[in-house]
Every structure is written in C-alpha cells, then in structure tokens.
C-alpha atoms as a PDB file:
ATOM      1  CA  MET A   1      -0.143   0.260   0.071  1.00  0.00           C
ATOM      2  CA  SER A   2       1.239   3.420  -0.848  1.00  0.00           C
ATOM      3  CA  GLU A   3       2.401   5.908   1.662  1.00  0.00           C
ATOM      4  CA  HIS A   4      -0.049   8.473   0.702  1.00  0.00           C
ATOM      5  CA  LYS A   5      -2.567   5.880   2.002  1.00  0.00           C
ATOM      6  CA  ILE A   6      -1.380   6.058   5.563  1.00  0.00           C
ATOM      7  CA  LEU A   7      -0.356   9.694   5.714  1.00  0.00           C
ATOM      8  CA  ARG A   8      -2.694  12.545   4.151  1.00  0.00           C
ATOM      9  CA  LEU A   9      -0.759  14.932   2.234  1.00  0.00           C
ATOM     10  CA  SER A  10      -1.043  18.653   2.076  1.00  0.00           C
ATOM     11  CA  ALA A  11      -2.714  20.173  -1.302  1.00  0.00           C
ATOM     12  CA  ASP A  12       0.665  21.451  -1.951  1.00  0.00           C
ATOM     13  CA  ASP A  13       2.340  18.118  -1.628  1.00  0.00           C
ATOM     14  CA  VAL A  14      -0.210  16.646  -3.817  1.00  0.00           C
ATOM     15  CA  LEU A  15       0.618  18.934  -6.542  1.00  0.00           C
ATOM     16  CA  LYS A  16       4.216  18.541  -6.467  1.00  0.00           C
ATOM     17  CA  SER A  17       3.719  14.855  -6.502  1.00  0.00           C
ATOM     18  CA  LEU A  18       1.340  15.098  -9.297  1.00  0.00           C
ATOM     19  CA  LEU A  19       3.827  17.275 -11.274  1.00  0.00           C
ATOM     20  CA  GLU A  20       6.408  15.007 -10.533  1.00  0.00           C
ATOM     21  CA  GLY A  21       4.081  12.096 -12.271  1.00  0.00           C
ATOM     22  CA  ASN A  22       3.605  14.176 -15.316  1.00  0.00           C
ATOM     23  CA  LYS A  23       7.375  14.653 -15.477  1.00  0.00           C
ATOM     24  CA  ARG A  24       7.713  11.341 -15.648  1.00  0.00           C
ATOM     25  CA  PHE A  25       5.147  11.144 -18.379  1.00  0.00           C
ATOM     26  CA  VAL A  26       6.612  13.656 -20.418  1.00  0.00           C
ATOM     27  CA  GLU A  27       9.915  11.852 -20.359  1.00  0.00           C
ATOM     28  CA  GLY A  28       8.437   8.530 -20.670  1.00  0.00           C
ATOM     29  CA  ASN A  29      10.088   7.177 -17.458  1.00  0.00           C
ATOM     30  CA  LEU A  30       6.656   5.702 -16.188  1.00  0.00           C
ATOM     31  CA  LEU A  31       6.551   4.223 -12.928  1.00  0.00           C
ATOM     32  CA  HIS A  32       2.860   3.280 -13.280  1.00  0.00           C
ATOM     33  CA  PRO A  33       2.380   3.067  -9.507  1.00  0.00           C
ATOM     34  CA  ASN A  34      -0.559   1.278  -8.051  1.00  0.00           C
ATOM     35  CA  HIS A  35      -1.653  -0.811 -11.082  1.00  0.00           C
ATOM     36  CA  CYS A  36      -0.543  -4.077  -8.824  1.00  0.00           C
ATOM     37  CA  GLU A  37      -3.026  -6.623  -7.702  1.00  0.00           C
ATOM     38  CA  GLU A  38      -2.393  -5.746  -4.244  1.00  0.00           C
ATOM     39  CA  SER A  39      -3.163  -2.074  -5.006  1.00  0.00           C
ATOM     40  CA  ARG A  40      -6.091  -3.502  -6.481  1.00  0.00           C
ATOM     41  CA  GLN A  41      -7.406  -5.518  -3.669  1.00  0.00           C
ATOM     42  CA  GLY A  42      -6.708  -2.343  -1.656  1.00  0.00           C
ATOM     43  CA  VAL A  43      -8.968  -0.166  -2.958  1.00  0.00           C
ATOM     44  CA  ALA A  44     -11.710  -2.899  -3.598  1.00  0.00           C
ATOM     45  CA  ASP A  45     -13.368  -1.736  -0.494  1.00  0.00           C
ATOM     46  CA  GLY A  46     -12.825   1.950  -0.305  1.00  0.00           C
ATOM     47  CA  GLN A  47     -10.671   4.730  -1.704  1.00  0.00           C
ATOM     48  CA  GLU A  48      -8.444   7.600  -0.444  1.00  0.00           C
ATOM     49  CA  PRO A  49      -7.534   9.395  -3.589  1.00  0.00           C
ATOM     50  CA  ILE A  50      -5.062  12.036  -3.331  1.00  0.00           C
ATOM     51  CA  ALA A  51      -6.698  14.582  -5.512  1.00  0.00           C
ATOM     52  CA  THR A  52      -9.718  15.448  -7.544  1.00  0.00           C
ATOM     53  CA  VAL A  53      -9.537  16.175 -11.165  1.00  0.00           C
ATOM     54  CA  LEU A  54     -12.289  17.857 -13.163  1.00  0.00           C
ATOM     55  CA  THR A  55     -11.170  17.653 -16.757  1.00  0.00           C
ATOM     56  CA  CYS A  56     -12.622  17.597 -20.379  1.00  0.00           C
ATOM     57  CA  ALA A  57     -14.164  14.088 -21.301  1.00  0.00           C
ATOM     58  CA  ASP A  58     -11.672  14.184 -24.308  1.00  0.00           C
ATOM     59  CA  SER A  59     -10.217  10.757 -25.314  1.00  0.00           C
ATOM     60  CA  ARG A  60      -6.788  12.219 -25.281  1.00  0.00           C
ATOM     61  CA  VAL A  61      -6.595  13.621 -21.423  1.00  0.00           C
ATOM     62  CA  PRO A  62      -6.456  10.747 -19.194  1.00  0.00           C
ATOM     63  CA  PRO A  63      -5.645  12.072 -15.800  1.00  0.00           C
ATOM     64  CA  VAL A  64      -4.228   9.042 -14.224  1.00  0.00           C
ATOM     65  CA  ASP A  65      -1.755   8.446 -17.086  1.00  0.00           C
ATOM     66  CA  ILE A  66      -1.036  12.375 -17.521  1.00  0.00           C
ATOM     67  CA  PHE A  67       0.113  12.389 -13.571  1.00  0.00           C
ATOM     68  CA  ASP A  68       1.368   8.674 -13.772  1.00  0.00           C
ATOM     69  CA  GLN A  69      -0.862   7.699 -10.906  1.00  0.00           C
ATOM     70  CA  GLY A  70      -2.876   4.484 -10.292  1.00  0.00           C
ATOM     71  CA  LEU A  71      -5.831   2.687  -8.899  1.00  0.00           C
ATOM     72  CA  GLY A  72      -7.707   4.903  -6.414  1.00  0.00           C
ATOM     73  CA  ASP A  73      -5.018   7.983  -6.591  1.00  0.00           C
ATOM     74  CA  ILE A  74      -7.176  10.314  -8.626  1.00  0.00           C
ATOM     75  CA  PHE A  75     -10.835  11.073  -8.130  1.00  0.00           C
ATOM     76  CA  VAL A  76     -11.717  12.008 -11.848  1.00  0.00           C
ATOM     77  CA  VAL A  77     -14.745  14.097 -13.033  1.00  0.00           C
ATOM     78  CA  ARG A  78     -15.157  14.253 -16.693  1.00  0.00           C
ATOM     79  CA  VAL A  79     -17.038  16.319 -18.789  1.00  0.00           C
ATOM     80  CA  ALA A  80     -17.087  17.916 -22.219  1.00  0.00           C
ATOM     81  CA  GLY A  81     -15.068  21.423 -21.904  1.00  0.00           C
ATOM     82  CA  ASN A  82     -14.351  20.534 -18.228  1.00  0.00           C
ATOM     83  CA  ILE A  83     -17.697  22.835 -17.613  1.00  0.00           C
ATOM     84  CA  ILE A  84     -19.408  22.724 -14.272  1.00  0.00           C
ATOM     85  CA  GLY A  85     -23.205  22.090 -13.503  1.00  0.00           C
ATOM     86  CA  ASP A  86     -24.890  20.603 -10.551  1.00  0.00           C
ATOM     87  CA  HIS A  87     -23.807  17.151 -11.417  1.00  0.00           C
ATOM     88  CA  THR A  88     -20.172  17.976 -11.679  1.00  0.00           C
ATOM     89  CA  LEU A  89     -20.214  20.194  -8.426  1.00  0.00           C
ATOM     90  CA  GLY A  90     -22.071  17.358  -6.598  1.00  0.00           C
ATOM     91  CA  SER A  91     -19.288  14.963  -7.442  1.00  0.00           C
ATOM     92  CA  ILE A  92     -16.700  17.271  -6.411  1.00  0.00           C
ATOM     93  CA  GLU A  93     -18.504  18.115  -3.219  1.00  0.00           C
ATOM     94  CA  TYR A  94     -18.179  14.387  -2.640  1.00  0.00           C
ATOM     95  CA  ALA A  95     -14.460  14.176  -3.003  1.00  0.00           C
ATOM     96  CA  VAL A  96     -13.796  17.048  -0.692  1.00  0.00           C
ATOM     97  CA  SER A  97     -16.223  16.323   1.984  1.00  0.00           C
ATOM     98  CA  HIS A  98     -16.617  12.531   2.110  1.00  0.00           C
ATOM     99  CA  LEU A  99     -13.108  11.430   0.570  1.00  0.00           C
ATOM    100  CA  HIS A 100     -10.958  14.548   1.910  1.00  0.00           C
ATOM    101  CA  THR A 101      -8.977  15.073  -1.147  1.00  0.00           C
ATOM    102  CA  PRO A 102      -7.063  18.406  -0.217  1.00  0.00           C
ATOM    103  CA  LEU A 103      -6.648  19.340  -3.563  1.00  0.00           C
ATOM    104  CA  VAL A 104      -8.908  20.102  -6.576  1.00  0.00           C
ATOM    105  CA  ILE A 105      -7.514  20.605 -10.236  1.00  0.00           C
ATOM    106  CA  VAL A 106      -9.418  21.814 -13.147  1.00  0.00           C
ATOM    107  CA  LEU A 107      -7.591  20.600 -16.118  1.00  0.00           C
ATOM    108  CA  GLY A 108      -8.034  22.517 -19.567  1.00  0.00           C
ATOM    109  CA  HIS A 109      -6.414  21.285 -22.578  1.00  0.00           C
ATOM    110  CA  SER A 110      -4.968  22.352 -26.027  1.00  0.00           C
ATOM    111  CA  SER A 111      -7.258  21.722 -29.175  1.00  0.00           C
ATOM    112  CA  CYS A 112     -10.459  21.308 -26.922  1.00  0.00           C
ATOM    113  CA  GLY A 113     -13.240  20.216 -29.702  1.00  0.00           C
ATOM    114  CA  ALA A 114     -16.322  21.733 -27.467  1.00  0.00           C
ATOM    115  CA  VAL A 115     -14.316  25.143 -27.179  1.00  0.00           C
ATOM    116  CA  GLY A 116     -13.440  24.869 -30.723  1.00  0.00           C
ATOM    117  CA  ALA A 117     -17.298  24.112 -31.588  1.00  0.00           C
ATOM    118  CA  VAL A 118     -18.311  27.328 -29.894  1.00  0.00           C
ATOM    119  CA  ALA A 119     -15.619  29.503 -31.071  1.00  0.00           C
ATOM    120  CA  SER A 120     -16.379  28.541 -34.823  1.00  0.00           C
ATOM    121  CA  GLY A 121     -19.856  29.110 -34.450  1.00  0.00           C
ATOM    122  CA  LEU A 122     -21.012  25.653 -34.910  1.00  0.00           C
ATOM    123  CA  PRO A 123     -24.644  24.925 -34.066  1.00  0.00           C
ATOM    124  CA  LEU A 124     -24.699  22.985 -30.666  1.00  0.00           C
ATOM    125  CA  GLY A 125     -28.138  21.437 -30.352  1.00  0.00           C
ATOM    126  CA  GLY A 126     -30.061  19.421 -27.481  1.00  0.00           C
ATOM    127  CA  HIS A 127     -27.965  19.401 -23.936  1.00  0.00           C
ATOM    128  CA  MET A 128     -24.933  20.382 -25.896  1.00  0.00           C
ATOM    129  CA  ALA A 129     -26.112  23.889 -25.908  1.00  0.00           C
ATOM    130  CA  THR A 130     -25.167  24.207 -22.148  1.00  0.00           C
ATOM    131  CA  PHE A 131     -21.766  24.566 -23.270  1.00  0.00           C
ATOM    132  CA  VAL A 132     -21.888  27.615 -24.943  1.00  0.00           C
ATOM    133  CA  PRO A 133     -22.666  30.091 -22.217  1.00  0.00           C
ATOM    134  CA  PRO A 134     -19.488  29.540 -20.380  1.00  0.00           C
ATOM    135  CA  ILE A 135     -17.357  28.946 -23.461  1.00  0.00           C
ATOM    136  CA  GLN A 136     -18.570  32.370 -24.659  1.00  0.00           C
ATOM    137  CA  ALA A 137     -17.763  34.122 -21.440  1.00  0.00           C
ATOM    138  CA  ALA A 138     -14.282  32.752 -21.687  1.00  0.00           C
ATOM    139  CA  ILE A 139     -14.110  33.822 -25.332  1.00  0.00           C
ATOM    140  CA  LYS A 140     -15.061  37.296 -24.488  1.00  0.00           C
ATOM    141  CA  LYS A 141     -12.317  37.568 -21.961  1.00  0.00           C
ATOM    142  CA  VAL A 142      -9.518  36.318 -24.238  1.00  0.00           C
ATOM    143  CA  LYS A 143     -10.695  36.945 -27.658  1.00  0.00           C
ATOM    144  CA  ASP A 144      -8.075  39.888 -28.499  1.00  0.00           C
ATOM    145  CA  HIS A 145      -5.125  38.116 -26.772  1.00  0.00           C
ATOM    146  CA  GLU A 146      -1.978  36.894 -28.984  1.00  0.00           C
ATOM    147  CA  GLY A 147      -1.903  33.256 -29.787  1.00  0.00           C
ATOM    148  CA  MET A 148      -4.502  30.566 -30.667  1.00  0.00           C
ATOM    149  CA  LEU A 149      -7.855  31.389 -29.793  1.00  0.00           C
ATOM    150  CA  VAL A 150      -9.191  27.875 -28.768  1.00  0.00           C
ATOM    151  CA  ASN A 151      -6.103  27.564 -26.382  1.00  0.00           C
ATOM    152  CA  ASN A 152      -6.305  30.741 -24.943  1.00  0.00           C
ATOM    153  CA  VAL A 153      -9.979  29.838 -24.220  1.00  0.00           C
ATOM    154  CA  ALA A 154      -9.302  26.551 -22.778  1.00  0.00           C
ATOM    155  CA  ARG A 155      -6.874  28.315 -20.213  1.00  0.00           C
ATOM    156  CA  GLU A 156      -9.191  30.956 -19.468  1.00  0.00           C
ATOM    157  CA  LEU A 157     -12.218  28.589 -19.079  1.00  0.00           C
ATOM    158  CA  ALA A 158     -10.000  26.452 -16.771  1.00  0.00           C
ATOM    159  CA  LYS A 159      -9.237  29.598 -14.840  1.00  0.00           C
ATOM    160  CA  GLN A 160     -13.014  30.553 -14.662  1.00  0.00           C
ATOM    161  CA  MET A 161     -14.397  27.246 -13.669  1.00  0.00           C
ATOM    162  CA  ALA A 162     -11.752  26.820 -11.018  1.00  0.00           C
ATOM    163  CA  VAL A 163     -12.942  30.227  -9.216  1.00  0.00           C
ATOM    164  CA  LYS A 164     -16.605  29.258  -9.559  1.00  0.00           C
ATOM    165  CA  ILE A 165     -15.914  25.683  -8.031  1.00  0.00           C
ATOM    166  CA  ALA A 166     -13.632  27.665  -4.934  1.00  0.00           C
ATOM    167  CA  GLU A 167     -16.956  29.994  -4.626  1.00  0.00           C
ATOM    168  CA  SER A 168     -19.456  27.084  -4.693  1.00  0.00           C
ATOM    169  CA  GLU A 169     -21.445  27.374  -1.578  1.00  0.00           C
ATOM    170  CA  PRO A 170     -21.940  25.686   1.085  1.00  0.00           C
ATOM    171  CA  ILE A 171     -19.675  22.632   1.032  1.00  0.00           C
ATOM    172  CA  ILE A 172     -16.699  23.585  -1.371  1.00  0.00           C
ATOM    173  CA  ALA A 173     -16.217  27.155  -0.187  1.00  0.00           C
ATOM    174  CA  ASP A 174     -16.141  26.581   3.315  1.00  0.00           C
ATOM    175  CA  HIS A 175     -13.339  23.592   2.840  1.00  0.00           C
ATOM    176  CA  VAL A 176     -11.502  26.564   0.738  1.00  0.00           C
ATOM    177  CA  ASN A 177     -12.159  29.155   3.368  1.00  0.00           C
ATOM    178  CA  SER A 178     -10.956  26.705   6.238  1.00  0.00           C
ATOM    179  CA  GLY A 179      -7.662  25.853   4.258  1.00  0.00           C
ATOM    180  CA  ASP A 180      -8.593  22.218   3.926  1.00  0.00           C
ATOM    181  CA  ILE A 181      -8.624  22.220   0.166  1.00  0.00           C
ATOM    182  CA  LYS A 182      -7.267  24.153  -2.790  1.00  0.00           C
ATOM    183  CA  VAL A 183      -9.017  24.442  -6.402  1.00  0.00           C
ATOM    184  CA  ILE A 184      -6.433  25.389  -8.981  1.00  0.00           C
ATOM    185  CA  PRO A 185      -6.821  26.116 -12.691  1.00  0.00           C
ATOM    186  CA  ALA A 186      -4.090  23.905 -15.018  1.00  0.00           C
ATOM    187  CA  TYR A 187      -3.734  23.480 -18.718  1.00  0.00           C
ATOM    188  CA  TYR A 188      -2.379  20.261 -20.731  1.00  0.00           C
ATOM    189  CA  ASP A 189      -0.794  20.330 -23.880  1.00  0.00           C
ATOM    190  CA  LEU A 190      -1.503  17.534 -26.009  1.00  0.00           C
ATOM    191  CA  HIS A 191       1.493  17.786 -28.025  1.00  0.00           C
ATOM    192  CA  SER A 192       4.355  18.344 -25.364  1.00  0.00           C
ATOM    193  CA  GLY A 193       2.242  16.124 -22.715  1.00  0.00           C
ATOM    194  CA  VAL A 194       3.131  18.932 -20.181  1.00  0.00           C
ATOM    195  CA  VAL A 195       0.626  20.095 -17.698  1.00  0.00           C
ATOM    196  CA  SER A 196       1.187  23.852 -16.430  1.00  0.00           C
ATOM    197  CA  VAL A 197      -0.590  25.290 -13.318  1.00  0.00           C
ATOM    198  CA  LEU A 198      -2.171  28.722 -14.259  1.00  0.00           C
ATOM    199  CA  GLN A 199      -2.339  31.786 -12.725  1.00  0.00           C
ATOM    200  CA  THR A 200      -5.505  33.296 -11.754  1.00  0.00           C
END
C-alpha cells in the first residue's frame, strides 16, 4: 500500500507529486504506481484519492496516465469542456467532504473540441447547448489576446471554472475558506504532454 494511503498529504505536497508524475509521463519514465494486484485489492472496499481532477471528456486527456498515478489515486470528474453543473459540482463536493481530497484541479487542454465548436460558431443542439454560455464568456475575455484562440479560451475557461468551484457554497467554499483544500486551474498540452499550473 502506498505511503499516501497512510499519511494524508497537503494540497501543495499533492500538487508536487502530481507534477513529478507528469514529468515522468513527458519523459517516458513512467512508474505506473498502484497498478498491481495488491493495489487493486487495497482499493476494492474503499478509496482515499490524493486529488480530485475535473477535466474534459476528451479521449486524449486521461488524468491517471498524464500524472503517472494508479488505481485509487485520483478522483476524476469528466465532462466536455470541463464545465461545471449540478452533477459535476456534486461529484466534487463528494470528493472534498467525504473522501477528503486536499486538492482540486480543473484541467483544460489544447485543441479542445467543445471550445473549438463554440468558437467557430458551430450549432450545438440538445443538451450540448449548455456548453455554450460558459465558453462564450471565456471567449469574450481572451478574444483579443495573442496566440491560438481555442487554446487561450481553454486556459481561461479552466481559470473561470476553478474560481466558480472555489466559491461554490456551501460545501466547497467552506473547505476553501478553512484552508482544508485548494482549487487550482491547470492546462495540458496535447503535443508536449506537459501540465502547467495557471495563475488566476
């Protein structure tokens, strides 16, 4: 059983560990921790993840692999565009209040299809229409910035979602205000494999 199952880490320690895992991922020196039979049996009756990651449903963005973690290490919430709603917030609340994850990461990524669709004016019908307002808000904020619009919007969207999660009352905001957890935005580059922490 890995050490973090015995001693709960701080948000800063968890972030450091995840970024070290991402460095291994980028360099191709993967440890693939907690993938063995013992690990599988160890989490069969309960979980103690070290972090919660809200990320896009994009098949190219698997948090467990990107951070070189294993079974039971990351509580992952996935939805196109990493956009929050009642269900995603409820999932994060569960992770924070019941699983006691000290770190919540909102992970945007390059070449996001949901962002690209809204940025290009592609009609999104049905429930996909719910993606449009938050993405448009991010577009409005960065439309005049240098660089690729879609990637700039993905970064801004991660920042905006992180702020909204941190301010979500009553559960998450209470934990943030008490210093129990940190909510941070980050960005994953599909080409380089690098995860960068974003400044809000």
